[in-house]
Amino acid sequence: MDRASPVSLWRLRRAARRLDGFALATIVAAVLALGLYALSVLPLESHAQSLRDRAAALEPHAGGRPRVAEPAKPASQLTAFYERLPVVAQAPEVVRELHAHAHGAGLTLERGEYRPLPDAAARLVRYQIALPVRGSYAQVRHFLDSAMRDMPGLALDGVGFQRDKDTSGRLEVQLQFTAFLRMAP
């Protein structure tokens, strides 16, 4: 390993003393920028290249040209919406499923009210459900999350909370739902 000669070190120190603060800051910034480039940009470039290679390898399996989705027509969207809804004859099953979600969340059910309201303008029957339940706030949230996620056509119309008189932290909750059911064809 060659050692730098004392003359060359002396010249390097002399050149550093001649530089003003701005030039020295510029050199330090350039060295830092090169380090940042080497530590962050180069690995990202190699990752991007590997992703491009992977995409090129998968392209033959894609079936040719990329498919462009056709814009959905409103009539077909409406038909698809109606097809997802349960039919009127399934109203008791909708209520049973709602009760199953409530029991699964650990809620105590009170006597509910169920009332069909036909809608002459649409192909729907609105089935209004008033469901009083008892339980903790977390149980009510769990029930609402699971029921609204799993039951198409169920809408939450209102929630009323009332705390029990004892200190158990249980709530009396009045839930109002509308289940949208489609008329049988």
Protein backbone atom coordinates (compact mmCIF):
# COMPACT_ATOMS: atom_id res chain seq x y z
CA MET A 1 0.00 0.00 0.00
CA ASP A 2 1.49 3.30 -1.07
CA ARG A 3 1.50 6.06 1.45
CA ALA A 4 0.86 9.58 0.35
CA SER A 5 3.99 11.62 0.31
CA PRO A 6 4.32 14.43 2.82
CA VAL A 7 4.47 16.92 -0.05
CA SER A 8 1.13 15.83 -1.50
CA LEU A 9 -0.54 15.99 1.94
CA TRP A 10 0.90 19.46 2.40
CA ARG A 11 -0.53 20.54 -0.98
CA LEU A 12 -3.95 19.09 -0.10
CA ARG A 13 -4.04 20.97 3.23
CA ARG A 14 -2.93 24.19 1.55
CA ALA A 15 -5.72 23.87 -1.08
CA ALA A 16 -8.29 23.23 1.68
CA ARG A 17 -7.19 26.39 3.53
CA ARG A 18 -7.58 28.44 0.37
CA LEU A 19 -11.21 27.36 -0.07
CA ASP A 20 -13.79 29.62 1.43
CA GLY A 21 -16.79 28.33 3.44
CA PHE A 22 -19.14 28.24 0.45
CA ALA A 23 -16.82 26.09 -1.65
CA LEU A 24 -16.22 23.73 1.26
CA ALA A 25 -19.99 23.43 1.86
CA THR A 26 -20.48 22.71 -1.84
CA ILE A 27 -17.94 19.90 -1.75
CA VAL A 28 -19.51 18.41 1.39
CA ALA A 29 -22.99 18.61 -0.20
CA ALA A 30 -21.72 16.90 -3.36
CA VAL A 31 -20.17 14.07 -1.33
CA LEU A 32 -23.41 13.66 0.65
CA ALA A 33 -25.48 13.65 -2.56
CA LEU A 34 -23.28 10.93 -4.03
CA GLY A 35 -23.69 8.88 -0.86
CA LEU A 36 -27.46 9.33 -0.89
CA TYR A 37 -27.59 8.31 -4.54
CA ALA A 38 -25.53 5.20 -3.86
CA LEU A 39 -27.56 4.20 -0.79
CA SER A 40 -31.11 4.92 -1.98
CA VAL A 41 -31.45 5.52 -5.71
CA LEU A 42 -29.29 2.67 -7.00
CA PRO A 43 -31.17 -0.01 -5.02
CA LEU A 44 -34.48 1.41 -6.21
CA GLU A 45 -33.30 1.34 -9.81
CA SER A 46 -32.35 -2.32 -9.49
CA HIS A 47 -35.74 -3.09 -7.89
CA ALA A 48 -37.54 -1.26 -10.69
CA GLN A 49 -35.56 -3.26 -13.25
CA SER A 50 -36.49 -6.53 -11.55
CA LEU A 51 -40.17 -5.48 -11.61
CA ARG A 52 -39.91 -4.65 -15.33
CA ASP A 53 -38.32 -8.07 -15.95
CA ARG A 54 -41.09 -9.77 -13.97
CA ALA A 55 -43.80 -7.89 -15.91
CA ALA A 56 -42.15 -8.88 -19.18
CA ALA A 57 -42.11 -12.52 -18.06
CA LEU A 58 -45.82 -12.41 -17.14
CA GLU A 59 -46.91 -10.63 -20.32
CA PRO A 60 -47.22 -13.81 -22.45
CA HIS A 61 -49.63 -15.21 -19.86
CA ALA A 62 -51.86 -12.13 -20.06
CA GLY A 63 -53.48 -13.24 -23.29
CA GLY A 64 -52.24 -10.63 -25.72
CA ARG A 65 -53.28 -7.04 -25.60
CA PRO A 66 -54.30 -5.55 -22.31
CA ARG A 67 -58.05 -5.55 -21.96
CA VAL A 68 -59.78 -2.25 -21.54
CA ALA A 69 -62.94 -2.41 -19.49
CA GLU A 70 -66.00 -1.20 -21.30
CA PRO A 71 -67.87 1.52 -19.53
CA ALA A 72 -70.85 0.08 -17.71
CA LYS A 73 -74.25 1.06 -18.98
CA PRO A 74 -76.64 2.49 -16.38
CA ALA A 75 -79.36 -0.01 -17.30
CA SER A 76 -77.02 -2.95 -16.75
CA GLN A 77 -75.77 -1.46 -13.47
CA LEU A 78 -79.36 -1.10 -12.25
CA THR A 79 -80.16 -4.68 -13.27
CA ALA A 80 -77.07 -5.94 -11.46
CA PHE A 81 -78.11 -3.95 -8.37
CA TYR A 82 -81.58 -5.49 -8.34
CA GLU A 83 -80.17 -9.00 -8.82
CA ARG A 84 -78.04 -8.67 -5.68
CA LEU A 85 -81.07 -7.95 -3.53
CA PRO A 86 -83.08 -10.75 -1.92
CA VAL A 87 -86.60 -11.33 -3.21
CA VAL A 88 -89.69 -10.49 -1.13
CA ALA A 89 -90.28 -14.16 -0.34
CA GLN A 90 -86.91 -14.17 1.47
CA ALA A 91 -88.01 -11.53 4.02
CA PRO A 92 -88.18 -14.06 6.89
CA GLU A 93 -84.67 -15.25 6.00
CA VAL A 94 -83.40 -11.65 6.03
CA VAL A 95 -84.85 -11.21 9.53
CA ARG A 96 -83.35 -14.54 10.69
CA GLU A 97 -79.95 -13.49 9.33
CA LEU A 98 -80.22 -10.14 11.11
CA HIS A 99 -81.07 -11.95 14.36
CA ALA A 100 -78.17 -14.36 13.82
CA HIS A 101 -75.76 -11.42 13.47
CA ALA A 102 -77.16 -9.90 16.68
CA HIS A 103 -76.79 -13.18 18.61
CA GLY A 104 -73.29 -13.64 17.15
CA ALA A 105 -72.33 -10.24 18.57
CA GLY A 106 -73.69 -11.24 22.00
CA LEU A 107 -76.65 -8.87 21.99
CA THR A 108 -79.96 -9.55 23.74
CA LEU A 109 -82.88 -9.01 21.39
CA GLU A 110 -86.14 -7.47 22.43
CA ARG A 111 -89.38 -7.79 20.48
CA GLY A 112 -88.90 -6.21 17.05
CA GLU A 113 -91.33 -4.66 14.61
CA TYR A 114 -91.33 -5.60 10.93
CA ARG A 115 -93.39 -3.80 8.31
CA PRO A 116 -93.35 -4.12 4.50
CA LEU A 117 -93.83 -0.94 2.46
CA PRO A 118 -94.28 -1.58 -1.29
CA ASP A 119 -92.82 1.08 -3.56
CA ALA A 120 -95.00 1.43 -6.67
CA ALA A 121 -92.42 3.52 -8.53
CA ALA A 122 -89.64 0.95 -8.24
CA ARG A 123 -89.33 -2.80 -8.37
CA LEU A 124 -88.66 -2.84 -4.63
CA VAL A 125 -90.39 -3.53 -1.36
CA ARG A 126 -88.98 -1.65 1.59
CA TYR A 127 -89.10 -3.82 4.69
CA GLN A 128 -88.79 -1.59 7.75
CA ILE A 129 -87.32 -3.23 10.82
CA ALA A 130 -87.31 -1.69 14.31
CA LEU A 131 -85.04 -3.80 16.48
CA PRO A 132 -84.43 -2.98 20.15
CA VAL A 133 -81.32 -4.70 21.53
CA ARG A 134 -79.31 -4.72 24.77
CA GLY A 135 -75.55 -4.98 25.03
CA SER A 136 -72.31 -3.07 25.22
CA TYR A 137 -71.26 -0.42 22.75
CA ALA A 138 -68.60 -2.77 21.32
CA GLN A 139 -71.21 -5.51 20.79
CA VAL A 140 -73.51 -3.09 18.98
CA ARG A 141 -70.65 -1.91 16.75
CA HIS A 142 -69.68 -5.51 15.95
CA PHE A 143 -73.30 -6.34 15.10
CA LEU A 144 -73.71 -3.32 12.83
CA ASP A 145 -70.36 -3.94 11.09
CA SER A 146 -71.10 -7.58 10.32
CA ALA A 147 -74.76 -7.09 9.36
CA MET A 148 -74.11 -4.13 7.05
CA ARG A 149 -71.16 -5.92 5.41
CA ASP A 150 -72.86 -9.28 4.88
CA MET A 151 -76.43 -8.31 4.02
CA PRO A 152 -76.93 -6.63 0.63
CA GLY A 153 -79.82 -4.24 0.54
CA LEU A 154 -79.77 -3.51 4.27
CA ALA A 155 -79.72 0.15 5.23
CA LEU A 156 -79.35 1.58 8.74
CA ASP A 157 -81.92 4.34 9.18
CA GLY A 158 -81.39 5.28 12.79
CA VAL A 159 -79.77 4.43 16.11
CA GLY A 160 -80.94 5.50 19.55
CA PHE A 161 -78.84 4.79 22.67
CA GLN A 162 -79.99 4.73 26.27
CA ARG A 163 -77.78 3.57 29.14
CA ASP A 164 -79.22 1.04 31.61
CA LYS A 165 -79.95 2.38 35.06
CA ASP A 166 -77.47 -0.04 36.64
CA THR A 167 -73.71 0.45 36.35
CA SER A 168 -73.08 -2.59 34.13
CA GLY A 169 -72.31 -0.42 31.11
CA ARG A 170 -74.99 -2.11 29.04
CA LEU A 171 -77.01 -0.06 26.62
CA GLU A 172 -80.57 -0.19 25.41
CA VAL A 173 -80.31 0.50 21.69
CA GLN A 174 -83.14 1.18 19.27
CA LEU A 175 -82.06 0.24 15.74
CA GLN A 176 -84.08 1.12 12.66
CA PHE A 177 -83.23 -0.71 9.44
CA THR A 178 -84.69 -0.83 5.97
CA ALA A 179 -84.19 -4.03 4.03
CA PHE A 180 -84.67 -3.47 0.31
CA LEU A 181 -86.23 -6.53 -1.31
CA ARG A 182 -86.96 -6.98 -4.99
CA MET A 183 -90.28 -8.00 -6.39
CA ALA A 184 -90.36 -11.50 -7.81
CA PRO A 185 -90.25 -11.43 -11.63
